[in-house]
Amino acid sequence: MIIREAENKRARQARRRKRIRKKVVGTSARPRLSVARTVKHMHVQIIDDASGKLIAHVTTTSKNVEGKTKTERAKSIGKQIAALAVEKGIKKVVFDRGGRMYHGRVKAVADGAREGGLEF
């Protein structure tokens, strides 16, 4: 019973992710800011879907991440990815929440990126 619920949850998330990715496409002028969340860590990437290239990435497993709680660390990587993007001349991005709710750590990454100078 519990296994079936977990499978259904993963399937629902996969459907949401697929539905979102149909609409959210990164270009070279406005690349995609992709957020991936696990139980312990977060991974953030800026991707140019037109050329299929990864422009920048930051993860909470990096040594220079600040904060004690997972939400504070998420905000920290949002600021770091924004700094890397601005350094490479990117000011506008499309936010891809990866099928997750815009809440908690995903929202913290977005807030940190906005504070760092990104627009979306």
PDB file of N, CA and C in Angstrom:
ATOM      1  N   MET A   1       0.822  -1.189   0.000  1.00  0.00           N
ATOM      2  CA  MET A   1       0.000   0.000   0.000  1.00  0.00           C
ATOM      3  C   MET A   1       0.872   1.260   0.000  1.00  0.00           C
ATOM      4  N   ILE A   2       1.874   1.314   0.856  1.00  0.00           N
ATOM      5  CA  ILE A   2       2.736   2.493   0.945  1.00  0.00           C
ATOM      6  C   ILE A   2       3.568   2.634  -0.328  1.00  0.00           C
ATOM      7  N   ILE A   3       4.019   1.512  -0.872  1.00  0.00           N
ATOM      8  CA  ILE A   3       4.817   1.548  -2.096  1.00  0.00           C
ATOM      9  C   ILE A   3       3.982   2.106  -3.249  1.00  0.00           C
ATOM     10  N   ARG A   4       2.739   1.704  -3.349  1.00  0.00           N
ATOM     11  CA  ARG A   4       1.864   2.183  -4.414  1.00  0.00           C
ATOM     12  C   ARG A   4       1.649   3.693  -4.300  1.00  0.00           C
ATOM     13  N   GLU A   5       1.503   4.210  -3.080  1.00  0.00           N
ATOM     14  CA  GLU A   5       1.331   5.650  -2.887  1.00  0.00           C
ATOM     15  C   GLU A   5       2.572   6.411  -3.341  1.00  0.00           C
ATOM     16  N   ALA A   6       3.751   5.867  -3.039  1.00  0.00           N
ATOM     17  CA  ALA A   6       4.997   6.512  -3.449  1.00  0.00           C
ATOM     18  C   ALA A   6       5.122   6.509  -4.975  1.00  0.00           C
ATOM     19  N   GLU A   7       4.735   5.403  -5.612  1.00  0.00           N
ATOM     20  CA  GLU A   7       4.779   5.323  -7.071  1.00  0.00           C
ATOM     21  C   GLU A   7       3.818   6.333  -7.693  1.00  0.00           C
ATOM     22  N   ASN A   8       2.623   6.456  -7.109  1.00  0.00           N
ATOM     23  CA  ASN A   8       1.655   7.420  -7.619  1.00  0.00           C
ATOM     24  C   ASN A   8       2.159   8.847  -7.470  1.00  0.00           C
ATOM     25  N   LYS A   9       2.825   9.139  -6.350  1.00  0.00           N
ATOM     26  CA  LYS A   9       3.365  10.482  -6.119  1.00  0.00           C
ATOM     27  C   LYS A   9       4.430  10.803  -7.165  1.00  0.00           C
ATOM     28  N   ARG A  10       5.322   9.844  -7.443  1.00  0.00           N
ATOM     29  CA  ARG A  10       6.357  10.055  -8.451  1.00  0.00           C
ATOM     30  C   ARG A  10       5.744  10.231  -9.846  1.00  0.00           C
ATOM     31  N   ALA A  11       4.715   9.461 -10.134  1.00  0.00           N
ATOM     32  CA  ALA A  11       4.054   9.564 -11.436  1.00  0.00           C
ATOM     33  C   ALA A  11       3.372  10.924 -11.597  1.00  0.00           C
ATOM     34  N   ARG A  12       2.716  11.404 -10.543  1.00  0.00           N
ATOM     35  CA  ARG A  12       2.069  12.712 -10.602  1.00  0.00           C
ATOM     36  C   ARG A  12       3.107  13.811 -10.824  1.00  0.00           C
ATOM     37  N   GLN A  13       4.233  13.702 -10.123  1.00  0.00           N
ATOM     38  CA  GLN A  13       5.280  14.697 -10.284  1.00  0.00           C
ATOM     39  C   GLN A  13       5.865  14.653 -11.696  1.00  0.00           C
ATOM     40  N   ALA A  14       6.044  13.455 -12.239  1.00  0.00           N
ATOM     41  CA  ALA A  14       6.564  13.328 -13.600  1.00  0.00           C
ATOM     42  C   ALA A  14       5.606  13.966 -14.607  1.00  0.00           C
ATOM     43  N   ARG A  15       4.314  13.799 -14.404  1.00  0.00           N
ATOM     44  CA  ARG A  15       3.319  14.421 -15.289  1.00  0.00           C
ATOM     45  C   ARG A  15       3.387  15.942 -15.187  1.00  0.00           C
ATOM     46  N   ARG A  16       3.509  16.456 -13.962  1.00  0.00           N
ATOM     47  CA  ARG A  16       3.627  17.905 -13.773  1.00  0.00           C
ATOM     48  C   ARG A  16       4.892  18.433 -14.448  1.00  0.00           C
ATOM     49  N   ARG A  17       6.006  17.721 -14.255  1.00  0.00           N
ATOM     50  CA  ARG A  17       7.276  18.147 -14.843  1.00  0.00           C
ATOM     51  C   ARG A  17       7.170  18.193 -16.368  1.00  0.00           C
ATOM     52  N   LYS A  18       6.548  17.173 -16.949  1.00  0.00           N
ATOM     53  CA  LYS A  18       6.396  17.115 -18.396  1.00  0.00           C
ATOM     54  C   LYS A  18       5.497  18.243 -18.899  1.00  0.00           C
ATOM     55  N   ARG A  19       4.425  18.514 -18.194  1.00  0.00           N
ATOM     56  CA  ARG A  19       3.490  19.570 -18.579  1.00  0.00           C
ATOM     57  C   ARG A  19       4.182  20.950 -18.512  1.00  0.00           C
ATOM     58  N   ILE A  20       4.981  21.157 -17.472  1.00  0.00           N
ATOM     59  CA  ILE A  20       5.687  22.427 -17.310  1.00  0.00           C
ATOM     60  C   ILE A  20       6.745  22.594 -18.394  1.00  0.00           C
ATOM     61  N   ARG A  21       7.483  21.529 -18.697  1.00  0.00           N
ATOM     62  CA  ARG A  21       8.577  21.611 -19.667  1.00  0.00           C
ATOM     63  C   ARG A  21       8.074  21.867 -21.090  1.00  0.00           C
ATOM     64  N   LYS A  22       6.793  21.553 -21.363  1.00  0.00           N
ATOM     65  CA  LYS A  22       6.230  21.890 -22.667  1.00  0.00           C
ATOM     66  C   LYS A  22       6.171  23.400 -22.846  1.00  0.00           C
ATOM     67  N   LYS A  23       5.924  24.116 -21.762  1.00  0.00           N
ATOM     68  CA  LYS A  23       5.726  25.559 -21.815  1.00  0.00           C
ATOM     69  C   LYS A  23       7.000  26.346 -21.521  1.00  0.00           C
ATOM     70  N   VAL A  24       7.854  25.828 -20.644  1.00  0.00           N
ATOM     71  CA  VAL A  24       9.047  26.553 -20.202  1.00  0.00           C
ATOM     72  C   VAL A  24      10.244  26.103 -21.038  1.00  0.00           C
ATOM     73  N   VAL A  25      10.694  26.988 -21.927  1.00  0.00           N
ATOM     74  CA  VAL A  25      11.826  26.682 -22.799  1.00  0.00           C
ATOM     75  C   VAL A  25      12.822  27.818 -22.703  1.00  0.00           C
ATOM     76  N   GLY A  26      14.079  27.471 -22.486  1.00  0.00           N
ATOM     77  CA  GLY A  26      15.123  28.482 -22.398  1.00  0.00           C
ATOM     78  C   GLY A  26      15.737  28.767 -23.753  1.00  0.00           C
ATOM     79  N   THR A  27      15.984  30.019 -24.029  1.00  0.00           N
ATOM     80  CA  THR A  27      16.659  30.431 -25.261  1.00  0.00           C
ATOM     81  C   THR A  27      18.000  31.045 -24.886  1.00  0.00           C
ATOM     82  N   SER A  28      18.770  31.410 -25.889  1.00  0.00           N
ATOM     83  CA  SER A  28      20.059  32.032 -25.572  1.00  0.00           C
ATOM     84  C   SER A  28      19.850  33.433 -24.992  1.00  0.00           C
ATOM     85  N   ALA A  29      18.760  34.103 -25.388  1.00  0.00           N
ATOM     86  CA  ALA A  29      18.469  35.428 -24.835  1.00  0.00           C
ATOM     87  C   ALA A  29      17.893  35.336 -23.427  1.00  0.00           C
ATOM     88  N   ARG A  30      17.116  34.284 -23.177  1.00  0.00           N
ATOM     89  CA  ARG A  30      16.479  34.103 -21.872  1.00  0.00           C
ATOM     90  C   ARG A  30      16.557  32.619 -21.495  1.00  0.00           C
ATOM     91  N   PRO A  31      17.672  32.175 -20.897  1.00  0.00           N
ATOM     92  CA  PRO A  31      17.847  30.754 -20.575  1.00  0.00           C
ATOM     93  C   PRO A  31      16.949  30.301 -19.422  1.00  0.00           C
ATOM     94  N   ARG A  32      16.910  28.999 -19.215  1.00  0.00           N
ATOM     95  CA  ARG A  32      16.046  28.392 -18.200  1.00  0.00           C
ATOM     96  C   ARG A  32      16.830  28.183 -16.903  1.00  0.00           C
ATOM     97  N   LEU A  33      16.244  28.623 -15.789  1.00  0.00           N
ATOM     98  CA  LEU A  33      16.802  28.391 -14.459  1.00  0.00           C
ATOM     99  C   LEU A  33      16.079  27.181 -13.895  1.00  0.00           C
ATOM    100  N   SER A  34      16.753  26.046 -13.865  1.00  0.00           N
ATOM    101  CA  SER A  34      16.153  24.785 -13.454  1.00  0.00           C
ATOM    102  C   SER A  34      16.520  24.464 -12.009  1.00  0.00           C
ATOM    103  N   VAL A  35      15.514  24.087 -11.212  1.00  0.00           N
ATOM    104  CA  VAL A  35      15.720  23.761  -9.803  1.00  0.00           C
ATOM    105  C   VAL A  35      15.398  22.291  -9.586  1.00  0.00           C
ATOM    106  N   ALA A  36      16.332  21.556  -8.992  1.00  0.00           N
ATOM    107  CA  ALA A  36      16.120  20.160  -8.635  1.00  0.00           C
ATOM    108  C   ALA A  36      16.284  20.037  -7.124  1.00  0.00           C
ATOM    109  N   ARG A  37      15.333  19.372  -6.496  1.00  0.00           N
ATOM    110  CA  ARG A  37      15.333  19.266  -5.036  1.00  0.00           C
ATOM    111  C   ARG A  37      15.343  17.797  -4.639  1.00  0.00           C
ATOM    112  N   THR A  38      16.216  17.462  -3.689  1.00  0.00           N
ATOM    113  CA  THR A  38      16.202  16.138  -3.083  1.00  0.00           C
ATOM    114  C   THR A  38      15.876  16.322  -1.603  1.00  0.00           C
ATOM    115  N   VAL A  39      15.891  15.260  -0.866  1.00  0.00           N
ATOM    116  CA  VAL A  39      15.573  15.352   0.552  1.00  0.00           C
ATOM    117  C   VAL A  39      16.608  16.202   1.282  1.00  0.00           C
ATOM    118  N   LYS A  40      17.894  16.042   0.934  1.00  0.00           N
ATOM    119  CA  LYS A  40      18.966  16.756   1.629  1.00  0.00           C
ATOM    120  C   LYS A  40      19.489  17.988   0.895  1.00  0.00           C
ATOM    121  N   HIS A  41      19.525  17.944  -0.418  1.00  0.00           N
ATOM    122  CA  HIS A  41      20.241  18.960  -1.180  1.00  0.00           C
ATOM    123  C   HIS A  41      19.375  19.579  -2.271  1.00  0.00           C
ATOM    124  N   MET A  42      19.917  20.644  -2.864  1.00  0.00           N
ATOM    125  CA  MET A  42      19.281  21.325  -4.003  1.00  0.00           C
ATOM    126  C   MET A  42      20.348  21.544  -5.067  1.00  0.00           C
ATOM    127  N   HIS A  43      19.911  21.484  -6.313  1.00  0.00           N
ATOM    128  CA  HIS A  43      20.787  21.721  -7.447  1.00  0.00           C
ATOM    129  C   HIS A  43      20.101  22.733  -8.344  1.00  0.00           C
ATOM    130  N   VAL A  44      20.831  23.768  -8.765  1.00  0.00           N
ATOM    131  CA  VAL A  44      20.286  24.820  -9.605  1.00  0.00           C
ATOM    132  C   VAL A  44      21.184  24.953 -10.829  1.00  0.00           C
ATOM    133  N   GLN A  45      20.554  25.008 -12.022  1.00  0.00           N
ATOM    134  CA  GLN A  45      21.300  25.122 -13.264  1.00  0.00           C
ATOM    135  C   GLN A  45      20.682  26.195 -14.140  1.00  0.00           C
ATOM    136  N   ILE A  46      21.518  26.854 -14.920  1.00  0.00           N
ATOM    137  CA  ILE A  46      21.037  27.746 -15.967  1.00  0.00           C
ATOM    138  C   ILE A  46      21.376  27.073 -17.288  1.00  0.00           C
ATOM    139  N   ILE A  47      20.333  26.814 -18.089  1.00  0.00           N
ATOM    140  CA  ILE A  47      20.472  26.008 -19.298  1.00  0.00           C
ATOM    141  C   ILE A  47      19.950  26.778 -20.506  1.00  0.00           C
ATOM    142  N   ASP A  48      20.724  26.732 -21.587  1.00  0.00           N
ATOM    143  CA  ASP A  48      20.276  27.258 -22.876  1.00  0.00           C
ATOM    144  C   ASP A  48      19.748  26.067 -23.676  1.00  0.00           C
ATOM    145  N   ASP A  49      18.427  25.937 -23.769  1.00  0.00           N
ATOM    146  CA  ASP A  49      17.829  24.790 -24.443  1.00  0.00           C
ATOM    147  C   ASP A  49      18.016  24.842 -25.959  1.00  0.00           C
ATOM    148  N   ALA A  50      18.169  26.036 -26.524  1.00  0.00           N
ATOM    149  CA  ALA A  50      18.335  26.159 -27.971  1.00  0.00           C
ATOM    150  C   ALA A  50      19.625  25.479 -28.437  1.00  0.00           C
ATOM    151  N   SER A  51      20.704  25.686 -27.683  1.00  0.00           N
ATOM    152  CA  SER A  51      21.979  25.064 -28.053  1.00  0.00           C
ATOM    153  C   SER A  51      22.270  23.817 -27.226  1.00  0.00           C
ATOM    154  N   GLY A  52      21.459  23.566 -26.194  1.00  0.00           N
ATOM    155  CA  GLY A  52      21.658  22.380 -25.359  1.00  0.00           C
ATOM    156  C   GLY A  52      22.864  22.484 -24.446  1.00  0.00           C
ATOM    157  N   LYS A  53      23.208  23.696 -24.037  1.00  0.00           N
ATOM    158  CA  LYS A  53      24.405  23.889 -23.221  1.00  0.00           C
ATOM    159  C   LYS A  53      24.061  24.347 -21.814  1.00  0.00           C
ATOM    160  N   LEU A  54      24.836  23.855 -20.870  1.00  0.00           N
ATOM    161  CA  LEU A  54      24.736  24.271 -19.475  1.00  0.00           C
ATOM    162  C   LEU A  54      25.601  25.515 -19.298  1.00  0.00           C
ATOM    163  N   ILE A  55      24.985  26.591 -18.850  1.00  0.00           N
ATOM    164  CA  ILE A  55      25.708  27.854 -18.708  1.00  0.00           C
ATOM    165  C   ILE A  55      26.363  27.961 -17.337  1.00  0.00           C
ATOM    166  N   ALA A  56      25.616  27.597 -16.284  1.00  0.00           N
ATOM    167  CA  ALA A  56      26.152  27.671 -14.921  1.00  0.00           C
ATOM    168  C   ALA A  56      25.369  26.709 -14.033  1.00  0.00           C
ATOM    169  N   HIS A  57      26.007  26.265 -12.969  1.00  0.00           N
ATOM    170  CA  HIS A  57      25.301  25.423 -11.998  1.00  0.00           C
ATOM    171  C   HIS A  57      25.886  25.633 -10.605  1.00  0.00           C
ATOM    172  N   VAL A  58      25.022  25.455  -9.601  1.00  0.00           N
ATOM    173  CA  VAL A  58      25.412  25.557  -8.196  1.00  0.00           C
ATOM    174  C   VAL A  58      24.627  24.501  -7.444  1.00  0.00           C
ATOM    175  N   THR A  59      25.231  23.936  -6.415  1.00  0.00           N
ATOM    176  CA  THR A  59      24.565  22.926  -5.603  1.00  0.00           C
ATOM    177  C   THR A  59      24.859  23.171  -4.128  1.00  0.00           C
ATOM    178  N   THR A  60      24.010  22.658  -3.259  1.00  0.00           N
ATOM    179  CA  THR A  60      24.231  22.845  -1.822  1.00  0.00           C
ATOM    180  C   THR A  60      25.362  21.970  -1.301  1.00  0.00           C
ATOM    181  N   THR A  61      25.879  21.065  -2.118  1.00  0.00           N
ATOM    182  CA  THR A  61      27.021  20.264  -1.682  1.00  0.00           C
ATOM    183  C   THR A  61      28.335  21.025  -1.831  1.00  0.00           C
ATOM    184  N   SER A  62      28.298  22.207  -2.441  1.00  0.00           N
ATOM    185  CA  SER A  62      29.493  23.044  -2.574  1.00  0.00           C
ATOM    186  C   SER A  62      29.963  23.510  -1.201  1.00  0.00           C
ATOM    187  N   LYS A  63      31.235  23.827  -1.093  1.00  0.00           N
ATOM    188  CA  LYS A  63      31.804  24.207   0.204  1.00  0.00           C
ATOM    189  C   LYS A  63      31.455  25.637   0.616  1.00  0.00           C
ATOM    190  N   ASN A  64      31.164  26.505  -0.351  1.00  0.00           N
ATOM    191  CA  ASN A  64      30.945  27.914  -0.031  1.00  0.00           C
ATOM    192  C   ASN A  64      29.467  28.268   0.136  1.00  0.00           C
ATOM    193  N   VAL A  65      28.639  27.315   0.545  1.00  0.00           N
ATOM    194  CA  VAL A  65      27.212  27.568   0.766  1.00  0.00           C
ATOM    195  C   VAL A  65      27.010  27.983   2.216  1.00  0.00           C
ATOM    196  N   GLU A  66      26.277  29.091   2.402  1.00  0.00           N
ATOM    197  CA  GLU A  66      26.039  29.615   3.746  1.00  0.00           C
ATOM    198  C   GLU A  66      24.675  29.176   4.242  1.00  0.00           C
ATOM    199  N   GLY A  67      24.519  29.157   5.557  1.00  0.00           N
ATOM    200  CA  GLY A  67      23.222  28.877   6.159  1.00  0.00           C
ATOM    201  C   GLY A  67      23.210  27.565   6.917  1.00  0.00           C
ATOM    202  N   LYS A  68      22.412  27.529   7.968  1.00  0.00           N
ATOM    203  CA  LYS A  68      22.298  26.316   8.775  1.00  0.00           C
ATOM    204  C   LYS A  68      21.145  25.441   8.315  1.00  0.00           C
ATOM    205  N   THR A  69      20.007  26.074   8.010  1.00  0.00           N
ATOM    206  CA  THR A  69      18.853  25.283   7.593  1.00  0.00           C
ATOM    207  C   THR A  69      18.882  25.066   6.084  1.00  0.00           C
ATOM    208  N   LYS A  70      18.105  24.094   5.617  1.00  0.00           N
ATOM    209  CA  LYS A  70      18.055  23.809   4.192  1.00  0.00           C
ATOM    210  C   LYS A  70      17.484  24.986   3.409  1.00  0.00           C
ATOM    211  N   THR A  71      16.549  25.710   3.990  1.00  0.00           N
ATOM    212  CA  THR A  71      15.952  26.861   3.314  1.00  0.00           C
ATOM    213  C   THR A  71      16.967  27.996   3.181  1.00  0.00           C
ATOM    214  N   GLU A  72      17.771  28.218   4.211  1.00  0.00           N
ATOM    215  CA  GLU A  72      18.808  29.255   4.148  1.00  0.00           C
ATOM    216  C   GLU A  72      19.851  28.896   3.093  1.00  0.00           C
ATOM    217  N   ARG A  73      20.212  27.617   3.019  1.00  0.00           N
ATOM    218  CA  ARG A  73      21.179  27.175   2.006  1.00  0.00           C
ATOM    219  C   ARG A  73      20.598  27.320   0.603  1.00  0.00           C
ATOM    220  N   ALA A  74      19.289  27.078   0.463  1.00  0.00           N
ATOM    221  CA  ALA A  74      18.640  27.235  -0.838  1.00  0.00           C
ATOM    222  C   ALA A  74      18.698  28.692  -1.292  1.00  0.00           C
ATOM    223  N   LYS A  75      18.443  29.614  -0.385  1.00  0.00           N
ATOM    224  CA  LYS A  75      18.511  31.039  -0.718  1.00  0.00           C
ATOM    225  C   LYS A  75      19.943  31.419  -1.094  1.00  0.00           C
ATOM    226  N   SER A  76      20.907  30.845  -0.400  1.00  0.00           N
ATOM    227  CA  SER A  76      22.311  31.113  -0.681  1.00  0.00           C
ATOM    228  C   SER A  76      22.697  30.670  -2.092  1.00  0.00           C
ATOM    229  N   ILE A  77      22.249  29.489  -2.517  1.00  0.00           N
ATOM    230  CA  ILE A  77      22.600  29.047  -3.873  1.00  0.00           C
ATOM    231  C   ILE A  77      21.843  29.851  -4.925  1.00  0.00           C
ATOM    232  N   GLY A  78      20.676  30.386  -4.571  1.00  0.00           N
ATOM    233  CA  GLY A  78      19.978  31.289  -5.481  1.00  0.00           C
ATOM    234  C   GLY A  78      20.792  32.545  -5.742  1.00  0.00           C
ATOM    235  N   LYS A  79      21.377  33.096  -4.682  1.00  0.00           N
ATOM    236  CA  LYS A  79      22.227  34.282  -4.830  1.00  0.00           C
ATOM    237  C   LYS A  79      23.484  33.958  -5.630  1.00  0.00           C
ATOM    238  N   GLN A  80      24.060  32.772  -5.385  1.00  0.00           N
ATOM    239  CA  GLN A  80      25.280  32.378  -6.090  1.00  0.00           C
ATOM    240  C   GLN A  80      25.030  32.182  -7.579  1.00  0.00           C
ATOM    241  N   ILE A  81      23.912  31.542  -7.934  1.00  0.00           N
ATOM    242  CA  ILE A  81      23.627  31.318  -9.354  1.00  0.00           C
ATOM    243  C   ILE A  81      23.352  32.648 -10.051  1.00  0.00           C
ATOM    244  N   ALA A  82      22.727  33.575  -9.326  1.00  0.00           N
ATOM    245  CA  ALA A  82      22.479  34.906  -9.902  1.00  0.00           C
ATOM    246  C   ALA A  82      23.796  35.623 -10.159  1.00  0.00           C
ATOM    247  N   ALA A  83      24.736  35.515  -9.226  1.00  0.00           N
ATOM    248  CA  ALA A  83      26.044  36.153  -9.402  1.00  0.00           C
ATOM    249  C   ALA A  83      26.771  35.566 -10.615  1.00  0.00           C
ATOM    250  N   LEU A  84      26.714  34.244 -10.776  1.00  0.00           N
ATOM    251  CA  LEU A  84      27.352  33.609 -11.935  1.00  0.00           C
ATOM    252  C   LEU A  84      26.685  34.050 -13.235  1.00  0.00           C
ATOM    253  N   ALA A  85      25.360  34.170 -13.217  1.00  0.00           N
ATOM    254  CA  ALA A  85      24.631  34.571 -14.420  1.00  0.00           C
ATOM    255  C   ALA A  85      24.949  36.007 -14.808  1.00  0.00           C
ATOM    256  N   VAL A  86      24.945  36.899 -13.828  1.00  0.00           N
ATOM    257  CA  VAL A  86      25.242  38.306 -14.110  1.00  0.00           C
ATOM    258  C   VAL A  86      26.672  38.447 -14.619  1.00  0.00           C
ATOM    259  N   GLU A  87      27.574  37.649 -14.059  1.00  0.00           N
ATOM    260  CA  GLU A  87      28.971  37.646 -14.506  1.00  0.00           C
ATOM    261  C   GLU A  87      29.083  37.242 -15.977  1.00  0.00           C
ATOM    262  N   LYS A  88      28.196  36.343 -16.437  1.00  0.00           N
ATOM    263  CA  LYS A  88      28.210  35.888 -17.831  1.00  0.00           C
ATOM    264  C   LYS A  88      27.286  36.716 -18.724  1.00  0.00           C
ATOM    265  N   GLY A  89      26.708  37.795 -18.181  1.00  0.00           N
ATOM    266  CA  GLY A  89      25.909  38.702 -18.982  1.00  0.00           C
ATOM    267  C   GLY A  89      24.443  38.322 -19.106  1.00  0.00           C
ATOM    268  N   ILE A  90      23.938  37.485 -18.209  1.00  0.00           N
ATOM    269  CA  ILE A  90      22.539  37.060 -18.251  1.00  0.00           C
ATOM    270  C   ILE A  90      21.778  37.800 -17.154  1.00  0.00           C
ATOM    271  N   LYS A  91      20.708  38.486 -17.542  1.00  0.00           N
ATOM    272  CA  LYS A  91      19.890  39.207 -16.565  1.00  0.00           C
ATOM    273  C   LYS A  91      18.489  38.632 -16.445  1.00  0.00           C
ATOM    274  N   LYS A  92      17.963  38.047 -17.545  1.00  0.00           N
ATOM    275  CA  LYS A  92      16.609  37.500 -17.546  1.00  0.00           C
ATOM    276  C   LYS A  92      16.649  35.997 -17.769  1.00  0.00           C
ATOM    277  N   VAL A  93      15.857  35.271 -16.984  1.00  0.00           N
ATOM    278  CA  VAL A  93      15.763  33.817 -17.112  1.00  0.00           C
ATOM    279  C   VAL A  93      14.292  33.398 -17.028  1.00  0.00           C
ATOM    280  N   VAL A  94      14.050  32.146 -17.396  1.00  0.00           N
ATOM    281  CA  VAL A  94      12.740  31.527 -17.230  1.00  0.00           C
ATOM    282  C   VAL A  94      12.878  30.543 -16.080  1.00  0.00           C
ATOM    283  N   PHE A  95      11.997  30.601 -15.088  1.00  0.00           N
ATOM    284  CA  PHE A  95      12.117  29.766 -13.892  1.00  0.00           C
ATOM    285  C   PHE A  95      11.411  28.426 -14.109  1.00  0.00           C
ATOM    286  N   ASP A  96      12.150  27.338 -13.943  1.00  0.00           N
ATOM    287  CA  ASP A  96      11.616  25.982 -14.063  1.00  0.00           C
ATOM    288  C   ASP A  96      11.683  25.332 -12.693  1.00  0.00           C
ATOM    289  N   ARG A  97      10.529  25.161 -12.062  1.00  0.00           N
ATOM    290  CA  ARG A  97      10.489  24.618 -10.706  1.00  0.00           C
ATOM    291  C   ARG A  97      10.562  23.093 -10.674  1.00  0.00           C
ATOM    292  N   GLY A  98      10.621  22.452 -11.820  1.00  0.00           N
ATOM    293  CA  GLY A  98      10.825  21.013 -11.895  1.00  0.00           C
ATOM    294  C   GLY A  98       9.685  20.176 -11.351  1.00  0.00           C
ATOM    295  N   GLY A  99       8.453  20.637 -11.506  1.00  0.00           N
ATOM    296  CA  GLY A  99       7.304  19.875 -11.033  1.00  0.00           C
ATOM    297  C   GLY A  99       7.028  20.012  -9.555  1.00  0.00           C
ATOM    298  N   ARG A 100       7.817  20.793  -8.865  1.00  0.00           N
ATOM    299  CA  ARG A 100       7.622  21.006  -7.424  1.00  0.00           C
ATOM    300  C   ARG A 100       6.733  22.221  -7.198  1.00  0.00           C
ATOM    301  N   MET A 101       6.135  22.290  -6.016  1.00  0.00           N
ATOM    302  CA  MET A 101       5.333  23.451  -5.668  1.00  0.00           C
ATOM    303  C   MET A 101       6.246  24.658  -5.451  1.00  0.00           C
ATOM    304  N   TYR A 102       5.766  25.843  -5.826  1.00  0.00           N
ATOM    305  CA  TYR A 102       6.524  27.067  -5.604  1.00  0.00           C
ATOM    306  C   TYR A 102       6.326  27.454  -4.143  1.00  0.00           C
ATOM    307  N   HIS A 103       7.124  26.806  -3.276  1.00  0.00           N
ATOM    308  CA  HIS A 103       6.926  26.920  -1.849  1.00  0.00           C
ATOM    309  C   HIS A 103       8.200  26.442  -1.176  1.00  0.00           C
ATOM    310  N   GLY A 104       8.513  26.966  -0.010  1.00  0.00           N
ATOM    311  CA  GLY A 104       9.643  26.462   0.767  1.00  0.00           C
ATOM    312  C   GLY A 104      10.975  26.709   0.109  1.00  0.00           C
ATOM    313  N   ARG A 105      11.740  25.626  -0.102  1.00  0.00           N
ATOM    314  CA  ARG A 105      13.099  25.749  -0.632  1.00  0.00           C
ATOM    315  C   ARG A 105      13.120  26.202  -2.091  1.00  0.00           C
ATOM    316  N   VAL A 106      12.133  25.792  -2.879  1.00  0.00           N
ATOM    317  CA  VAL A 106      12.075  26.229  -4.276  1.00  0.00           C
ATOM    318  C   VAL A 106      11.845  27.738  -4.326  1.00  0.00           C
ATOM    319  N   LYS A 107      10.961  28.237  -3.497  1.00  0.00           N
ATOM    320  CA  LYS A 107      10.697  29.674  -3.418  1.00  0.00           C
ATOM    321  C   LYS A 107      11.931  30.414  -2.895  1.00  0.00           C
ATOM    322  N   ALA A 108      12.654  29.809  -1.948  1.00  0.00           N
ATOM    323  CA  ALA A 108      13.863  30.432  -1.405  1.00  0.00           C
ATOM    324  C   ALA A 108      14.927  30.598  -2.483  1.00  0.00           C
ATOM    325  N   VAL A 109      15.071  29.615  -3.369  1.00  0.00           N
ATOM    326  CA  VAL A 109      16.022  29.734  -4.482  1.00  0.00           C
ATOM    327  C   VAL A 109      15.616  30.900  -5.377  1.00  0.00           C
ATOM    328  N   ALA A 110      14.328  30.999  -5.685  1.00  0.00           N
ATOM    329  CA  ALA A 110      13.835  32.083  -6.542  1.00  0.00           C
ATOM    330  C   ALA A 110      14.066  33.440  -5.888  1.00  0.00           C
ATOM    331  N   ASP A 111      13.780  33.536  -4.594  1.00  0.00           N
ATOM    332  CA  ASP A 111      13.990  34.801  -3.883  1.00  0.00           C
ATOM    333  C   ASP A 111      15.461  35.193  -3.876  1.00  0.00           C
ATOM    334  N   GLY A 112      16.344  34.225  -3.635  1.00  0.00           N
ATOM    335  CA  GLY A 112      17.775  34.498  -3.639  1.00  0.00           C
ATOM    336  C   GLY A 112      18.264  34.940  -5.017  1.00  0.00           C
ATOM    337  N   ALA A 113      17.734  34.322  -6.061  1.00  0.00           N
ATOM    338  CA  ALA A 113      18.132  34.690  -7.428  1.00  0.00           C
ATOM    339  C   ALA A 113      17.655  36.101  -7.756  1.00  0.00           C
ATOM    340  N   ARG A 114      16.448  36.440  -7.308  1.00  0.00           N
ATOM    341  CA  ARG A 114      15.945  37.808  -7.543  1.00  0.00           C
ATOM    342  C   ARG A 114      16.787  38.835  -6.795  1.00  0.00           C
ATOM    343  N   GLU A 115      17.171  38.501  -5.554  1.00  0.00           N
ATOM    344  CA  GLU A 115      18.022  39.409  -4.781  1.00  0.00           C
ATOM    345  C   GLU A 115      19.378  39.586  -5.456  1.00  0.00           C
ATOM    346  N   GLY A 116      19.849  38.525  -6.124  1.00  0.00           N
ATOM    347  CA  GLY A 116      21.142  38.590  -6.807  1.00  0.00           C
ATOM    348  C   GLY A 116      21.109  39.350  -8.113  1.00  0.00           C
ATOM    349  N   GLY A 117      19.911  39.700  -8.609  1.00  0.00           N
ATOM    350  CA  GLY A 117      19.834  40.514  -9.808  1.00  0.00           C
ATOM    351  C   GLY A 117      19.179  39.867 -11.006  1.00  0.00           C
ATOM    352  N   LEU A 118      18.666  38.646 -10.875  1.00  0.00           N
ATOM    353  CA  LEU A 118      17.993  38.003 -12.011  1.00  0.00           C
ATOM    354  C   LEU A 118      16.527  38.429 -12.067  1.00  0.00           C
ATOM    355  N   GLU A 119      15.989  38.491 -13.287  1.00  0.00           N
ATOM    356  CA  GLU A 119      14.578  38.806 -13.489  1.00  0.00           C
ATOM    357  C   GLU A 119      13.889  37.601 -14.109  1.00  0.00           C
ATOM    358  N   PHE A 120      12.718  37.244 -13.546  1.00  0.00           N
ATOM    359  CA  PHE A 120      11.857  36.208 -14.153  1.00  0.00           C
ATOM    360  C   PHE A 120      10.459  36.362 -13.675  1.00  0.00           C
TER     361      PHE A 120
END
